[in-house]
Every structure is written in C-alpha cells, then in structure tokens.
Amino acid sequence: MTEELTAEVNKVLQKMGLVFESPRFRYWRIRNDKYAFGWTTEKSGDGKFYAFIYRITKKAWKLTKKVKFGRRKTAKARAYKWYCERKEKLKQP
C-alpha cells in the first residue's frame, strides 16, 4: 500500500515538474584505482549528455570533472579517452 501511494505521489509531482531524476549512467573503472570514468546514457534536464570523472574515497564518490555534450556517443568517447589515458599512466613505471 505504501509503495503504491509513493509511486502515485511521485507521478503527480513529476507531471508538475517538481521531481527531478538523475539520468542513468555507465562507467569504466580500473581495478584497484581510485577513479571512475563515466557518461550519462540518458539526456539530463538541460537536454545534454555528460562525461565525468569521479574520485572514489572510502566514504563517497567525489566528482572531479564534468563535461557536457550534445550526443551520447561523444560523451562516451570522451569518458573512454580519459579511461585509456589513466590506464596508460598506471602502466608506466
């Protein structure tokens, strides 16, 4: 009963434009590294896609860089570029 009521209230608030959901995202992460490189798979509220870098701490993920793009494919390519650069940097002695 409570879940149904919550879902109904959320629908009404969303129609009124009062509920904002974060777009879904994907990310790459190198094992035992403190960074994650990701991109949004859905448009955000401003109609853009984002590529971002998070620094992972013991308590939370902290956003360190965020760039917006008009196309999802471009955002994904930028995140992948950052991931590959980091991977190469970690390989160097």
PDB file of N, CA and C in Angstrom:
ATOM      1  N   MET A   1       0.829  -1.196   0.000  1.00  0.00           N
ATOM      2  CA  MET A   1       0.000   0.000   0.000  1.00  0.00           C
ATOM      3  C   MET A   1       0.870   1.256   0.000  1.00  0.00           C
ATOM      4  N   THR A   2       1.868   1.313   0.856  1.00  0.00           N
ATOM      5  CA  THR A   2       2.722   2.489   0.956  1.00  0.00           C
ATOM      6  C   THR A   2       3.507   2.720  -0.332  1.00  0.00           C
ATOM      7  N   GLU A   3       4.019   1.640  -0.928  1.00  0.00           N
ATOM      8  CA  GLU A   3       4.779   1.765  -2.175  1.00  0.00           C
ATOM      9  C   GLU A   3       3.896   2.282  -3.303  1.00  0.00           C
ATOM     10  N   GLU A   4       2.654   1.817  -3.355  1.00  0.00           N
ATOM     11  CA  GLU A   4       1.730   2.272  -4.387  1.00  0.00           C
ATOM     12  C   GLU A   4       1.416   3.757  -4.221  1.00  0.00           C
ATOM     13  N   LEU A   5       1.218   4.179  -2.987  1.00  0.00           N
ATOM     14  CA  LEU A   5       0.932   5.577  -2.699  1.00  0.00           C
ATOM     15  C   LEU A   5       2.134   6.456  -3.063  1.00  0.00           C
ATOM     16  N   THR A   6       3.323   6.012  -2.700  1.00  0.00           N
ATOM     17  CA  THR A   6       4.543   6.754  -3.030  1.00  0.00           C
ATOM     18  C   THR A   6       4.708   6.885  -4.534  1.00  0.00           C
ATOM     19  N   ALA A   7       4.467   5.810  -5.262  1.00  0.00           N
ATOM     20  CA  ALA A   7       4.573   5.838  -6.715  1.00  0.00           C
ATOM     21  C   ALA A   7       3.562   6.814  -7.320  1.00  0.00           C
ATOM     22  N   GLU A   8       2.363   6.826  -6.794  1.00  0.00           N
ATOM     23  CA  GLU A   8       1.313   7.724  -7.282  1.00  0.00           C
ATOM     24  C   GLU A   8       1.671   9.185  -7.010  1.00  0.00           C
ATOM     25  N   VAL A   9       2.178   9.472  -5.818  1.00  0.00           N
ATOM     26  CA  VAL A   9       2.590  10.840  -5.470  1.00  0.00           C
ATOM     27  C   VAL A   9       3.741  11.286  -6.366  1.00  0.00           C
ATOM     28  N   ASN A  10       4.696  10.401  -6.599  1.00  0.00           N
ATOM     29  CA  ASN A  10       5.825  10.738  -7.467  1.00  0.00           C
ATOM     30  C   ASN A  10       5.369  11.058  -8.889  1.00  0.00           C
ATOM     31  N   LYS A  11       4.384  10.318  -9.399  1.00  0.00           N
ATOM     32  CA  LYS A  11       3.860  10.579 -10.736  1.00  0.00           C
ATOM     33  C   LYS A  11       3.239  11.981 -10.814  1.00  0.00           C
ATOM     34  N   VAL A  12       2.456  12.333  -9.788  1.00  0.00           N
ATOM     35  CA  VAL A  12       1.812  13.648  -9.766  1.00  0.00           C
ATOM     36  C   VAL A  12       2.868  14.754  -9.690  1.00  0.00           C
ATOM     37  N   LEU A  13       3.858  14.588  -8.822  1.00  0.00           N
ATOM     38  CA  LEU A  13       4.913  15.593  -8.688  1.00  0.00           C
ATOM     39  C   LEU A  13       5.730  15.718  -9.968  1.00  0.00           C
ATOM     40  N   GLN A  14       5.958  14.607 -10.631  1.00  0.00           N
ATOM     41  CA  GLN A  14       6.724  14.627 -11.877  1.00  0.00           C
ATOM     42  C   GLN A  14       5.958  15.374 -12.965  1.00  0.00           C
ATOM     43  N   LYS A  15       4.642  15.185 -13.030  1.00  0.00           N
ATOM     44  CA  LYS A  15       3.826  15.906 -14.010  1.00  0.00           C
ATOM     45  C   LYS A  15       3.855  17.409 -13.747  1.00  0.00           C
ATOM     46  N   MET A  16       3.980  17.783 -12.480  1.00  0.00           N
ATOM     47  CA  MET A  16       4.046  19.194 -12.105  1.00  0.00           C
ATOM     48  C   MET A  16       5.455  19.754 -12.301  1.00  0.00           C
ATOM     49  N   GLY A  17       6.418  18.888 -12.584  1.00  0.00           N
ATOM     50  CA  GLY A  17       7.788  19.339 -12.793  1.00  0.00           C
ATOM     51  C   GLY A  17       8.557  19.551 -11.504  1.00  0.00           C
ATOM     52  N   LEU A  18       8.126  18.949 -10.430  1.00  0.00           N
ATOM     53  CA  LEU A  18       8.768  19.149  -9.133  1.00  0.00           C
ATOM     54  C   LEU A  18       9.741  18.041  -8.747  1.00  0.00           C
ATOM     55  N   VAL A  19       9.744  16.941  -9.480  1.00  0.00           N
ATOM     56  CA  VAL A  19      10.645  15.839  -9.176  1.00  0.00           C
ATOM     57  C   VAL A  19      11.672  15.743 -10.297  1.00  0.00           C
ATOM     58  N   PHE A  20      12.918  15.743  -9.909  1.00  0.00           N
ATOM     59  CA  PHE A  20      13.989  15.647 -10.887  1.00  0.00           C
ATOM     60  C   PHE A  20      14.767  14.369 -10.624  1.00  0.00           C
ATOM     61  N   GLU A  21      14.853  13.542 -11.633  1.00  0.00           N
ATOM     62  CA  GLU A  21      15.604  12.308 -11.507  1.00  0.00           C
ATOM     63  C   GLU A  21      16.925  12.469 -12.231  1.00  0.00           C
ATOM     64  N   SER A  22      17.971  11.923 -11.663  1.00  0.00           N
ATOM     65  CA  SER A  22      19.267  11.952 -12.331  1.00  0.00           C
ATOM     66  C   SER A  22      19.240  10.975 -13.491  1.00  0.00           C
ATOM     67  N   PRO A  23      19.876  11.340 -14.599  1.00  0.00           N
ATOM     68  CA  PRO A  23      19.914  10.397 -15.720  1.00  0.00           C
ATOM     69  C   PRO A  23      20.779   9.189 -15.379  1.00  0.00           C
ATOM     70  N   ARG A  24      20.499   8.082 -16.007  1.00  0.00           N
ATOM     71  CA  ARG A  24      21.295   6.874 -15.782  1.00  0.00           C
ATOM     72  C   ARG A  24      22.678   7.054 -16.376  1.00  0.00           C
ATOM     73  N   PHE A  25      23.621   6.303 -15.850  1.00  0.00           N
ATOM     74  CA  PHE A  25      24.978   6.425 -16.353  1.00  0.00           C
ATOM     75  C   PHE A  25      25.693   5.085 -16.320  1.00  0.00           C
ATOM     76  N   ARG A  26      26.779   5.012 -17.058  1.00  0.00           N
ATOM     77  CA  ARG A  26      27.668   3.852 -17.094  1.00  0.00           C
ATOM     78  C   ARG A  26      29.067   4.356 -16.813  1.00  0.00           C
ATOM     79  N   TYR A  27      29.950   3.460 -16.403  1.00  0.00           N
ATOM     80  CA  TYR A  27      31.319   3.902 -16.147  1.00  0.00           C
ATOM     81  C   TYR A  27      32.312   2.768 -16.313  1.00  0.00           C
ATOM     82  N   TRP A  28      33.573   3.167 -16.527  1.00  0.00           N
ATOM     83  CA  TRP A  28      34.689   2.240 -16.542  1.00  0.00           C
ATOM     84  C   TRP A  28      35.532   2.525 -15.317  1.00  0.00           C
ATOM     85  N   ARG A  29      36.125   1.465 -14.796  1.00  0.00           N
ATOM     86  CA  ARG A  29      36.982   1.627 -13.634  1.00  0.00           C
ATOM     87  C   ARG A  29      38.115   0.612 -13.729  1.00  0.00           C
ATOM     88  N   ILE A  30      39.327   1.066 -13.439  1.00  0.00           N
ATOM     89  CA  ILE A  30      40.487   0.193 -13.430  1.00  0.00           C
ATOM     90  C   ILE A  30      40.576  -0.436 -12.046  1.00  0.00           C
ATOM     91  N   ARG A  31      40.809  -1.731 -12.013  1.00  0.00           N
ATOM     92  CA  ARG A  31      40.867  -2.441 -10.740  1.00  0.00           C
ATOM     93  C   ARG A  31      41.925  -1.813  -9.826  1.00  0.00           C
ATOM     94  N   ASN A  32      41.598  -1.637  -8.567  1.00  0.00           N
ATOM     95  CA  ASN A  32      42.476  -1.066  -7.539  1.00  0.00           C
ATOM     96  C   ASN A  32      42.897   0.372  -7.833  1.00  0.00           C
ATOM     97  N   ASP A  33      42.096   1.105  -8.590  1.00  0.00           N
ATOM     98  CA  ASP A  33      42.363   2.520  -8.840  1.00  0.00           C
ATOM     99  C   ASP A  33      41.281   3.342  -8.153  1.00  0.00           C
ATOM    100  N   LYS A  34      41.593   4.607  -7.880  1.00  0.00           N
ATOM    101  CA  LYS A  34      40.671   5.456  -7.141  1.00  0.00           C
ATOM    102  C   LYS A  34      39.796   6.331  -8.028  1.00  0.00           C
ATOM    103  N   TYR A  35      39.742   6.032  -9.324  1.00  0.00           N
ATOM    104  CA  TYR A  35      38.957   6.852 -10.242  1.00  0.00           C
ATOM    105  C   TYR A  35      37.978   6.012 -11.059  1.00  0.00           C
ATOM    106  N   ALA A  36      36.843   6.636 -11.398  1.00  0.00           N
ATOM    107  CA  ALA A  36      35.853   6.027 -12.291  1.00  0.00           C
ATOM    108  C   ALA A  36      35.567   7.041 -13.399  1.00  0.00           C
ATOM    109  N   PHE A  37      35.463   6.560 -14.632  1.00  0.00           N
ATOM    110  CA  PHE A  37      35.252   7.409 -15.802  1.00  0.00           C
ATOM    111  C   PHE A  37      33.922   7.021 -16.419  1.00  0.00           C
ATOM    112  N   GLY A  38      32.975   7.951 -16.441  1.00  0.00           N
ATOM    113  CA  GLY A  38      31.638   7.581 -16.872  1.00  0.00           C
ATOM    114  C   GLY A  38      30.987   8.561 -17.814  1.00  0.00           C
ATOM    115  N   TRP A  39      29.778   8.185 -18.265  1.00  0.00           N
ATOM    116  CA  TRP A  39      28.970   9.019 -19.141  1.00  0.00           C
ATOM    117  C   TRP A  39      27.508   8.723 -18.873  1.00  0.00           C
ATOM    118  N   THR A  40      26.659   9.704 -19.146  1.00  0.00           N
ATOM    119  CA  THR A  40      25.218   9.502 -18.965  1.00  0.00           C
ATOM    120  C   THR A  40      24.648   8.817 -20.201  1.00  0.00           C
ATOM    121  N   THR A  41      23.717   7.938 -19.982  1.00  0.00           N
ATOM    122  CA  THR A  41      23.086   7.211 -21.087  1.00  0.00           C
ATOM    123  C   THR A  41      21.733   7.805 -21.454  1.00  0.00           C
ATOM    124  N   GLU A  42      21.274   8.763 -20.664  1.00  0.00           N
ATOM    125  CA  GLU A  42      20.016   9.471 -20.934  1.00  0.00           C
ATOM    126  C   GLU A  42      20.295  10.968 -20.872  1.00  0.00           C
ATOM    127  N   LYS A  43      19.488  11.747 -21.572  1.00  0.00           N
ATOM    128  CA  LYS A  43      19.642  13.196 -21.520  1.00  0.00           C
ATOM    129  C   LYS A  43      19.326  13.703 -20.123  1.00  0.00           C
ATOM    130  N   SER A  44      20.063  14.709 -19.697  1.00  0.00           N
ATOM    131  CA  SER A  44      19.773  15.328 -18.406  1.00  0.00           C
ATOM    132  C   SER A  44      18.669  16.365 -18.606  1.00  0.00           C
ATOM    133  N   GLY A  45      18.334  17.088 -17.567  1.00  0.00           N
ATOM    134  CA  GLY A  45      17.260  18.069 -17.643  1.00  0.00           C
ATOM    135  C   GLY A  45      17.489  19.153 -18.677  1.00  0.00           C
ATOM    136  N   ASP A  46      18.751  19.467 -18.969  1.00  0.00           N
ATOM    137  CA  ASP A  46      19.052  20.501 -19.960  1.00  0.00           C
ATOM    138  C   ASP A  46      19.205  19.939 -21.376  1.00  0.00           C
ATOM    139  N   GLY A  47      18.909  18.654 -21.558  1.00  0.00           N
ATOM    140  CA  GLY A  47      18.957  18.037 -22.877  1.00  0.00           C
ATOM    141  C   GLY A  47      20.345  17.646 -23.344  1.00  0.00           C
ATOM    142  N   LYS A  48      21.292  17.595 -22.437  1.00  0.00           N
ATOM    143  CA  LYS A  48      22.678  17.261 -22.771  1.00  0.00           C
ATOM    144  C   LYS A  48      23.090  15.931 -22.151  1.00  0.00           C
ATOM    145  N   PHE A  49      24.164  15.368 -22.680  1.00  0.00           N
ATOM    146  CA  PHE A  49      24.790  14.177 -22.118  1.00  0.00           C
ATOM    147  C   PHE A  49      26.092  14.622 -21.463  1.00  0.00           C
ATOM    148  N   TYR A  50      26.534  13.895 -20.448  1.00  0.00           N
ATOM    149  CA  TYR A  50      27.734  14.285 -19.719  1.00  0.00           C
ATOM    150  C   TYR A  50      28.756  13.166 -19.671  1.00  0.00           C
ATOM    151  N   ALA A  51      30.017  13.558 -19.728  1.00  0.00           N
ATOM    152  CA  ALA A  51      31.133  12.662 -19.422  1.00  0.00           C
ATOM    153  C   ALA A  51      31.715  13.192 -18.127  1.00  0.00           C
ATOM    154  N   PHE A  52      32.145  12.300 -17.243  1.00  0.00           N
ATOM    155  CA  PHE A  52      32.617  12.751 -15.940  1.00  0.00           C
ATOM    156  C   PHE A  52      33.670  11.826 -15.368  1.00  0.00           C
ATOM    157  N   ILE A  53      34.391  12.361 -14.399  1.00  0.00           N
ATOM    158  CA  ILE A  53      35.385  11.589 -13.656  1.00  0.00           C
ATOM    159  C   ILE A  53      35.042  11.716 -12.178  1.00  0.00           C
ATOM    160  N   TYR A  54      34.983  10.579 -11.498  1.00  0.00           N
ATOM    161  CA  TYR A  54      34.773  10.563 -10.060  1.00  0.00           C
ATOM    162  C   TYR A  54      36.020  10.021  -9.375  1.00  0.00           C
ATOM    163  N   ARG A  55      36.371  10.631  -8.249  1.00  0.00           N
ATOM    164  CA  ARG A  55      37.433  10.100  -7.397  1.00  0.00           C
ATOM    165  C   ARG A  55      36.733   9.346  -6.277  1.00  0.00           C
ATOM    166  N   ILE A  56      37.130   8.109  -6.091  1.00  0.00           N
ATOM    167  CA  ILE A  56      36.455   7.250  -5.127  1.00  0.00           C
ATOM    168  C   ILE A  56      37.213   7.282  -3.805  1.00  0.00           C
ATOM    169  N   THR A  57      36.523   7.679  -2.745  1.00  0.00           N
ATOM    170  CA  THR A  57      37.107   7.677  -1.403  1.00  0.00           C
ATOM    171  C   THR A  57      36.450   6.555  -0.609  1.00  0.00           C
ATOM    172  N   LYS A  58      36.854   6.423   0.623  1.00  0.00           N
ATOM    173  CA  LYS A  58      36.271   5.359   1.455  1.00  0.00           C
ATOM    174  C   LYS A  58      34.792   5.599   1.727  1.00  0.00           C
ATOM    175  N   LYS A  59      34.382   6.873   1.787  1.00  0.00           N
ATOM    176  CA  LYS A  59      33.004   7.184   2.147  1.00  0.00           C
ATOM    177  C   LYS A  59      32.093   7.528   0.971  1.00  0.00           C
ATOM    178  N   ALA A  60      32.666   8.071  -0.108  1.00  0.00           N
ATOM    179  CA  ALA A  60      31.800   8.548  -1.192  1.00  0.00           C
ATOM    180  C   ALA A  60      32.558   8.662  -2.508  1.00  0.00           C
ATOM    181  N   TRP A  61      31.795   8.932  -3.562  1.00  0.00           N
ATOM    182  CA  TRP A  61      32.372   9.241  -4.871  1.00  0.00           C
ATOM    183  C   TRP A  61      32.317  10.750  -5.014  1.00  0.00           C
ATOM    184  N   LYS A  62      33.457  11.384  -5.321  1.00  0.00           N
ATOM    185  CA  LYS A  62      33.513  12.833  -5.455  1.00  0.00           C
ATOM    186  C   LYS A  62      33.760  13.204  -6.911  1.00  0.00           C
ATOM    187  N   LEU A  63      32.899  14.043  -7.436  1.00  0.00           N
ATOM    188  CA  LEU A  63      33.008  14.486  -8.818  1.00  0.00           C
ATOM    189  C   LEU A  63      34.228  15.388  -8.975  1.00  0.00           C
ATOM    190  N   THR A  64      35.123  15.049  -9.907  1.00  0.00           N
ATOM    191  CA  THR A  64      36.313  15.862 -10.133  1.00  0.00           C
ATOM    192  C   THR A  64      36.259  16.599 -11.469  1.00  0.00           C
ATOM    193  N   LYS A  65      35.538  16.062 -12.443  1.00  0.00           N
ATOM    194  CA  LYS A  65      35.447  16.710 -13.751  1.00  0.00           C
ATOM    195  C   LYS A  65      34.143  16.313 -14.416  1.00  0.00           C
ATOM    196  N   LYS A  66      33.526  17.276 -15.099  1.00  0.00           N
ATOM    197  CA  LYS A  66      32.258  17.017 -15.777  1.00  0.00           C
ATOM    198  C   LYS A  66      32.203  17.899 -17.022  1.00  0.00           C
ATOM    199  N   VAL A  67      31.941  17.274 -18.179  1.00  0.00           N
ATOM    200  CA  VAL A  67      31.868  17.994 -19.452  1.00  0.00           C
ATOM    201  C   VAL A  67      30.575  17.591 -20.149  1.00  0.00           C
ATOM    202  N   LYS A  68      29.861  18.575 -20.732  1.00  0.00           N
ATOM    203  CA  LYS A  68      28.593  18.247 -21.404  1.00  0.00           C
ATOM    204  C   LYS A  68      28.765  18.188 -22.911  1.00  0.00           C
ATOM    205  N   PHE A  69      27.927  17.341 -23.525  1.00  0.00           N
ATOM    206  CA  PHE A  69      27.965  17.113 -24.963  1.00  0.00           C
ATOM    207  C   PHE A  69      26.546  17.028 -25.507  1.00  0.00           C
ATOM    208  N   GLY A  70      26.404  17.233 -26.788  1.00  0.00           N
ATOM    209  CA  GLY A  70      25.096  17.137 -27.437  1.00  0.00           C
ATOM    210  C   GLY A  70      24.699  15.712 -27.776  1.00  0.00           C
ATOM    211  N   ARG A  71      25.696  14.813 -27.888  1.00  0.00           N
ATOM    212  CA  ARG A  71      25.408  13.425 -28.269  1.00  0.00           C
ATOM    213  C   ARG A  71      25.974  12.458 -27.234  1.00  0.00           C
ATOM    214  N   ARG A  72      25.241  11.389 -26.972  1.00  0.00           N
ATOM    215  CA  ARG A  72      25.680  10.365 -26.022  1.00  0.00           C
ATOM    216  C   ARG A  72      26.969   9.713 -26.498  1.00  0.00           C
ATOM    217  N   LYS A  73      27.042   9.458 -27.783  1.00  0.00           N
ATOM    218  CA  LYS A  73      28.211   8.796 -28.359  1.00  0.00           C
ATOM    219  C   LYS A  73      29.487   9.601 -28.105  1.00  0.00           C
ATOM    220  N   THR A  74      29.394  10.912 -28.188  1.00  0.00           N
ATOM    221  CA  THR A  74      30.549  11.781 -27.953  1.00  0.00           C
ATOM    222  C   THR A  74      30.945  11.761 -26.476  1.00  0.00           C
ATOM    223  N   ALA A  75      29.958  11.794 -25.592  1.00  0.00           N
ATOM    224  CA  ALA A  75      30.239  11.738 -24.154  1.00  0.00           C
ATOM    225  C   ALA A  75      30.913  10.412 -23.797  1.00  0.00           C
ATOM    226  N   LYS A  76      30.437   9.332 -24.371  1.00  0.00           N
ATOM    227  CA  LYS A  76      31.020   8.017 -24.113  1.00  0.00           C
ATOM    228  C   LYS A  76      32.459   7.963 -24.617  1.00  0.00           C
ATOM    229  N   ALA A  77      32.703   8.524 -25.799  1.00  0.00           N
ATOM    230  CA  ALA A  77      34.050   8.532 -26.366  1.00  0.00           C
ATOM    231  C   ALA A  77      35.018   9.322 -25.479  1.00  0.00           C
ATOM    232  N   ARG A  78      34.561  10.450 -24.936  1.00  0.00           N
ATOM    233  CA  ARG A  78      35.423  11.252 -24.059  1.00  0.00           C
ATOM    234  C   ARG A  78      35.751  10.492 -22.772  1.00  0.00           C
ATOM    235  N   ALA A  79      34.749   9.848 -22.184  1.00  0.00           N
ATOM    236  CA  ALA A  79      34.988   9.074 -20.967  1.00  0.00           C
ATOM    237  C   ALA A  79      35.971   7.939 -21.246  1.00  0.00           C
ATOM    238  N   TYR A  80      35.826   7.298 -22.393  1.00  0.00           N
ATOM    239  CA  TYR A  80      36.723   6.207 -22.761  1.00  0.00           C
ATOM    240  C   TYR A  80      38.155   6.717 -22.972  1.00  0.00           C
ATOM    241  N   LYS A  81      38.284   7.896 -23.547  1.00  0.00           N
ATOM    242  CA  LYS A  81      39.598   8.503 -23.747  1.00  0.00           C
ATOM    243  C   LYS A  81      40.281   8.738 -22.401  1.00  0.00           C
ATOM    244  N   TRP A  82      39.544   9.300 -21.447  1.00  0.00           N
ATOM    245  CA  TRP A  82      40.098   9.525 -20.106  1.00  0.00           C
ATOM    246  C   TRP A  82      40.506   8.207 -19.453  1.00  0.00           C
ATOM    247  N   TYR A  83      39.664   7.193 -19.607  1.00  0.00           N
ATOM    248  CA  TYR A  83      39.939   5.872 -19.050  1.00  0.00           C
ATOM    249  C   TYR A  83      41.230   5.301 -19.631  1.00  0.00           C
ATOM    250  N   CYS A  84      41.386   5.372 -20.956  1.00  0.00           N
ATOM    251  CA  CYS A  84      42.590   4.838 -21.614  1.00  0.00           C
ATOM    252  C   CYS A  84      43.843   5.605 -21.200  1.00  0.00           C
ATOM    253  N   GLU A  85      43.725   6.922 -21.083  1.00  0.00           N
ATOM    254  CA  GLU A  85      44.864   7.729 -20.636  1.00  0.00           C
ATOM    255  C   GLU A  85      45.295   7.333 -19.225  1.00  0.00           C
ATOM    256  N   ARG A  86      44.327   7.134 -18.355  1.00  0.00           N
ATOM    257  CA  ARG A  86      44.639   6.739 -16.974  1.00  0.00           C
ATOM    258  C   ARG A  86      45.270   5.350 -16.940  1.00  0.00           C
ATOM    259  N   LYS A  87      44.755   4.443 -17.754  1.00  0.00           N
ATOM    260  CA  LYS A  87      45.273   3.087 -17.815  1.00  0.00           C
ATOM    261  C   LYS A  87      46.736   3.094 -18.278  1.00  0.00           C
ATOM    262  N   GLU A  88      47.056   3.889 -19.288  1.00  0.00           N
ATOM    263  CA  GLU A  88      48.434   4.002 -19.768  1.00  0.00           C
ATOM    264  C   GLU A  88      49.340   4.627 -18.708  1.00  0.00           C
ATOM    265  N   LYS A  89      48.819   5.619 -18.012  1.00  0.00           N
ATOM    266  CA  LYS A  89      49.602   6.278 -16.969  1.00  0.00           C
ATOM    267  C   LYS A  89      49.952   5.312 -15.850  1.00  0.00           C
ATOM    268  N   LEU A  90      49.024   4.437 -15.502  1.00  0.00           N
ATOM    269  CA  LEU A  90      49.272   3.472 -14.429  1.00  0.00           C
ATOM    270  C   LEU A  90      50.251   2.372 -14.863  1.00  0.00           C
ATOM    271  N   LYS A  91      50.334   2.102 -16.154  1.00  0.00           N
ATOM    272  CA  LYS A  91      51.266   1.081 -16.658  1.00  0.00           C
ATOM    273  C   LYS A  91      52.712   1.552 -16.593  1.00  0.00           C
ATOM    274  N   GLN A  92      52.921   2.848 -16.723  1.00  0.00           N
ATOM    275  CA  GLN A  92      54.285   3.390 -16.729  1.00  0.00           C
ATOM    276  C   GLN A  92      54.926   3.237 -15.348  1.00  0.00           C
ATOM    277  N   PRO A  93      56.212   2.820 -15.320  1.00  0.00           N
ATOM    278  CA  PRO A  93      56.882   2.643 -14.008  1.00  0.00           C
ATOM    279  C   PRO A  93      57.262   3.952 -13.350  1.00  0.00           C
TER     280      PRO A  93
END
